[in-house]
Amino acid sequence: MSSEPPPGSGQQPPDDDPFRKQPPPAEGSGSPYSTPPPYGGGPQGGGDPYGGGPADPLAGMPPLAPSGRRTLARIIDMIMVGVVVWLITLGVGVSEFNVDSDDMQYGKSLAQSALAAVLYIAYDTIMISRSGQTLGKKWLGMRVADLDNGSTPSTQTTLIRSAVLWIPFAFCCACIWTAIAGGWSYFDKPYKQGLHDKAAKTVVVSTT
C-alpha cells in the first residue's frame, strides 16, 4: 500500500498529481532540485520571500492568471453564493429589511452576515481543496495552487485563505474589503497575490 499522501493534503504531492509543478531540467548529473534556475534564482533575481530557498517557486508551474480574469471569477462566485444566502434568509424570515425595530434589525442583519460568512467560506474551502477551483475559476480557466509545490491546497490552507477573504466581507467591510484583498493582486510582484493568497501562501495560475 502506498504511503504517499493524497493531493491537497498539504504534504509532498504524489508523482501522479497532475498539478504538481515540474522541476526544471538539470544540466549534467545530480538532482534537478539542486540546480539553481537561470537568471539568478527568484523572479526578480532574489529568493523565495517565504524562506523556501533560492529557487524560483514558480518554476515548472503554469503562468499566473491575469488579475482581471480573477476579478471576474470572484464576481461570478459572489453572485452564485449570494443568491443562495438570499434564498435561505428569505425562507427562514431573516431579512435585514423586514423588521419592526432597531434591535430586531441588528439581530437579523447579524444573523444574515453570519450565514453569508459560513456559506462563502464553506464554498471556497470545499471547492478549492478538492480541485483548486471554484466554479468561477473553472469556467474562466484558473486554479489556486500552493506556492511551494504547485499542488492543490490542503483543506487547512484553503480555510485560512477563505477566512481572510470572507469574514471581513460578511461582518464589516463588504465589497470594500473584497476589493482591497483581491485588488492587491493587480499591484503585487512577483506573484500577483491577493492578501488572502499571502496569508495562505498560494497563487492563482492559468489552466488554459
Protein backbone atom coordinates (compact mmCIF):
# COMPACT_ATOMS: atom_id res chain seq x y z
CA MET A 1 0.00 0.00 0.00
CA SER A 2 1.37 3.37 -0.97
CA SER A 3 2.29 5.74 1.87
CA GLU A 4 2.17 8.81 -0.32
CA PRO A 5 -0.36 11.45 0.82
CA PRO A 6 -3.31 12.28 -1.41
CA PRO A 7 -3.43 15.52 -3.44
CA GLY A 8 -4.43 18.53 -1.42
CA SER A 9 -3.07 17.13 1.87
CA GLY A 10 -0.58 19.95 2.28
CA GLN A 11 2.33 17.48 2.10
CA GLN A 12 4.53 16.50 -0.81
CA PRO A 13 2.15 15.64 -3.70
CA PRO A 14 2.38 12.18 -5.29
CA ASP A 15 4.20 11.67 -8.58
CA ASP A 16 0.92 11.34 -10.50
CA ASP A 17 -0.58 14.57 -9.15
CA PRO A 18 -1.43 16.44 -12.39
CA PHE A 19 -0.97 19.77 -10.64
CA ARG A 20 2.46 19.09 -9.21
CA LYS A 21 4.93 21.52 -10.68
CA GLN A 22 7.69 20.04 -12.76
CA PRO A 23 11.32 20.79 -11.86
CA PRO A 24 13.45 22.49 -14.50
CA PRO A 25 15.75 20.11 -16.39
CA ALA A 26 19.14 19.65 -14.81
CA GLU A 27 22.34 20.30 -16.65
CA GLY A 28 24.68 17.40 -16.11
CA SER A 29 24.26 14.97 -13.24
CA GLY A 30 22.60 15.46 -9.92
CA SER A 31 19.09 16.26 -8.73
CA PRO A 32 17.20 18.86 -10.77
CA TYR A 33 16.11 20.40 -7.47
CA SER A 34 19.72 21.16 -6.59
CA THR A 35 20.39 23.08 -9.81
CA PRO A 36 19.76 26.82 -9.47
CA PRO A 37 17.37 28.23 -12.07
CA PRO A 38 18.61 30.75 -14.64
CA TYR A 39 18.51 34.49 -14.09
CA GLY A 40 19.75 34.34 -10.54
CA GLY A 41 17.07 32.46 -8.61
CA GLY A 42 13.67 34.04 -7.97
CA PRO A 43 11.53 36.06 -10.38
CA GLN A 44 13.45 39.24 -9.59
CA GLY A 45 16.86 37.69 -9.01
CA GLY A 46 16.16 37.03 -5.32
CA GLY A 47 14.97 34.09 -3.32
CA ASP A 48 11.62 32.87 -2.12
CA PRO A 49 10.12 35.60 0.11
CA TYR A 50 8.72 32.85 2.36
CA GLY A 51 12.17 31.47 3.08
CA GLY A 52 11.90 28.42 0.86
CA GLY A 53 15.37 28.76 -0.65
CA PRO A 54 16.93 30.36 -3.71
CA ALA A 55 14.90 28.51 -6.37
CA ASP A 56 12.07 30.29 -8.15
CA PRO A 57 8.81 28.94 -6.61
CA LEU A 58 7.04 29.41 -9.95
CA ALA A 59 9.49 27.23 -11.90
CA GLY A 60 7.60 24.38 -13.54
CA MET A 61 4.18 25.89 -12.86
CA PRO A 62 1.67 27.32 -15.38
CA PRO A 63 1.69 31.11 -15.87
CA LEU A 64 -0.01 33.28 -13.28
CA ALA A 65 -3.64 34.08 -14.03
CA PRO A 66 -4.45 37.66 -15.10
CA SER A 67 -5.87 39.76 -12.27
CA GLY A 68 -8.80 40.92 -14.40
CA ARG A 69 -9.88 37.35 -15.02
CA ARG A 70 -9.56 36.61 -11.31
CA THR A 71 -11.84 39.53 -10.51
CA LEU A 72 -14.47 38.31 -12.96
CA ALA A 73 -14.34 34.80 -11.47
CA ARG A 74 -14.78 36.25 -7.98
CA ILE A 75 -17.81 38.25 -9.08
CA ILE A 76 -19.37 35.09 -10.56
CA ASP A 77 -18.81 33.21 -7.29
CA MET A 78 -20.16 36.09 -5.20
CA ILE A 79 -23.35 36.24 -7.24
CA MET A 80 -23.97 32.50 -7.05
CA VAL A 81 -23.38 32.20 -3.31
CA GLY A 82 -25.18 35.50 -2.69
CA VAL A 83 -28.32 34.14 -4.34
CA VAL A 84 -28.18 31.10 -2.05
CA VAL A 85 -27.78 33.33 1.02
CA TRP A 86 -30.72 35.46 -0.06
CA LEU A 87 -32.96 32.44 -0.67
CA ILE A 88 -32.11 30.85 2.67
CA THR A 89 -32.57 34.05 4.67
CA LEU A 90 -35.82 34.74 2.85
CA GLY A 91 -37.06 31.26 3.61
CA VAL A 92 -36.35 31.47 7.34
CA GLY A 93 -37.50 35.06 7.68
CA VAL A 94 -34.06 36.54 8.31
CA SER A 95 -34.04 39.73 6.32
CA GLU A 96 -32.47 42.98 7.35
CA PHE A 97 -35.29 44.88 5.67
CA ASN A 98 -38.39 43.19 7.13
CA VAL A 99 -38.08 44.45 10.71
CA ASP A 100 -40.12 46.37 13.24
CA SER A 101 -37.43 47.84 15.48
CA ASP A 102 -33.77 48.79 15.54
CA ASP A 103 -32.90 45.91 17.86
CA MET A 104 -34.57 43.36 15.63
CA GLN A 105 -32.89 44.85 12.59
CA TYR A 106 -29.48 44.48 14.19
CA GLY A 107 -30.13 40.90 15.24
CA LYS A 108 -31.41 39.80 11.86
CA SER A 109 -28.66 41.62 10.00
CA LEU A 110 -26.05 39.90 12.18
CA ALA A 111 -27.64 36.51 11.52
CA GLN A 112 -27.59 37.17 7.80
CA SER A 113 -23.93 38.19 7.95
CA ALA A 114 -23.02 35.06 9.89
CA LEU A 115 -24.83 32.85 7.39
CA ALA A 116 -23.13 34.61 4.49
CA ALA A 117 -19.70 34.14 6.07
CA VAL A 118 -20.31 30.42 6.69
CA LEU A 119 -21.59 29.77 3.17
CA TYR A 120 -18.87 31.75 1.39
CA ILE A 121 -16.11 30.13 3.45
CA ALA A 122 -17.60 26.65 3.02
CA TYR A 123 -17.98 27.13 -0.74
CA ASP A 124 -14.40 28.29 -1.25
CA THR A 125 -12.90 25.74 1.14
CA ILE A 126 -14.71 22.69 -0.24
CA MET A 127 -14.29 23.58 -3.90
CA ILE A 128 -10.66 24.71 -3.80
CA SER A 129 -9.40 21.93 -1.51
CA ARG A 130 -10.89 19.37 -3.93
CA SER A 131 -9.69 20.69 -7.26
CA GLY A 132 -8.13 24.11 -6.73
CA GLN A 133 -11.12 25.70 -8.46
CA THR A 134 -14.38 27.38 -7.63
CA LEU A 135 -16.97 27.35 -10.40
CA GLY A 136 -15.95 30.85 -11.47
CA LYS A 137 -12.30 29.86 -11.68
CA LYS A 138 -13.13 26.64 -13.51
CA TRP A 139 -15.23 28.43 -16.13
CA LEU A 140 -12.51 31.02 -16.71
CA GLY A 141 -9.56 28.62 -16.78
CA MET A 142 -7.78 29.16 -13.46
CA ARG A 143 -6.92 27.31 -10.30
CA VAL A 144 -5.41 28.00 -6.88
CA ALA A 145 -2.04 26.35 -6.20
CA ASP A 146 0.34 26.09 -3.27
CA LEU A 147 3.26 28.39 -3.94
CA ASP A 148 5.82 25.93 -2.62
CA ASN A 149 4.95 22.89 -4.76
CA GLY A 150 2.14 23.80 -7.15
CA SER A 151 -0.25 21.19 -5.76
CA THR A 152 -3.90 21.64 -4.81
CA PRO A 153 -4.03 23.45 -1.44
CA SER A 154 -4.94 21.44 1.64
CA THR A 155 -8.21 21.99 3.48
CA GLN A 156 -6.38 23.88 6.24
CA THR A 157 -4.62 26.14 3.76
CA THR A 158 -7.84 26.82 1.88
CA LEU A 159 -9.73 27.51 5.11
CA ILE A 160 -7.18 30.18 6.05
CA ARG A 161 -7.40 31.71 2.58
CA SER A 162 -11.20 31.74 2.62
CA ALA A 163 -11.50 33.11 6.16
CA VAL A 164 -9.18 36.04 5.43
CA LEU A 165 -11.27 36.93 2.39
CA TRP A 166 -14.81 36.38 3.63
CA ILE A 167 -15.02 37.12 7.38
CA PRO A 168 -14.30 40.86 6.96
CA PHE A 169 -16.58 40.88 3.90
CA ALA A 170 -19.53 39.44 5.81
CA PHE A 171 -19.27 41.36 9.07
CA CYS A 172 -17.86 44.80 8.46
CA CYS A 173 -16.28 45.82 5.18
CA ALA A 174 -18.35 44.10 2.49
CA CYS A 175 -17.18 44.90 -1.02
CA ILE A 176 -14.52 47.33 0.21
CA TRP A 177 -12.51 44.52 1.79
CA THR A 178 -13.03 42.24 -1.20
CA ALA A 179 -11.75 44.99 -3.47
CA ILE A 180 -8.69 45.55 -1.27
CA ALA A 181 -7.86 41.87 -0.69
CA GLY A 182 -8.46 40.79 -4.27
CA GLY A 183 -7.30 44.02 -5.87
CA TRP A 184 -3.92 43.61 -4.20
CA SER A 185 -3.06 41.13 -6.95
CA TYR A 186 -3.09 43.94 -9.53
CA PHE A 187 -0.06 45.53 -7.86
CA ASP A 188 1.68 42.64 -6.11
CA LYS A 189 5.00 41.47 -7.52
CA PRO A 190 6.23 38.97 -8.44
CA TYR A 191 3.40 36.52 -7.62
CA LYS A 192 0.20 38.56 -8.18
CA GLN A 193 -1.13 37.52 -4.78
CA GLY A 194 -4.19 38.92 -3.07
CA LEU A 195 -3.95 39.44 0.69
CA HIS A 196 -5.75 36.12 1.20
CA ASP A 197 -3.14 34.44 -1.03
CA LYS A 198 -0.36 35.90 1.06
CA ALA A 199 -1.96 34.61 4.25
CA ALA A 200 -2.22 31.09 2.82
CA LYS A 201 0.94 31.17 0.66
CA THR A 202 -0.96 30.38 -2.52
CA VAL A 203 -1.03 31.70 -6.09
CA VAL A 204 -3.63 31.58 -8.85
CA VAL A 205 -2.42 30.10 -12.14
CA SER A 206 -3.95 29.56 -15.56
CA THR A 207 -5.18 26.14 -16.68
CA THR A 208 -5.65 27.05 -20.35
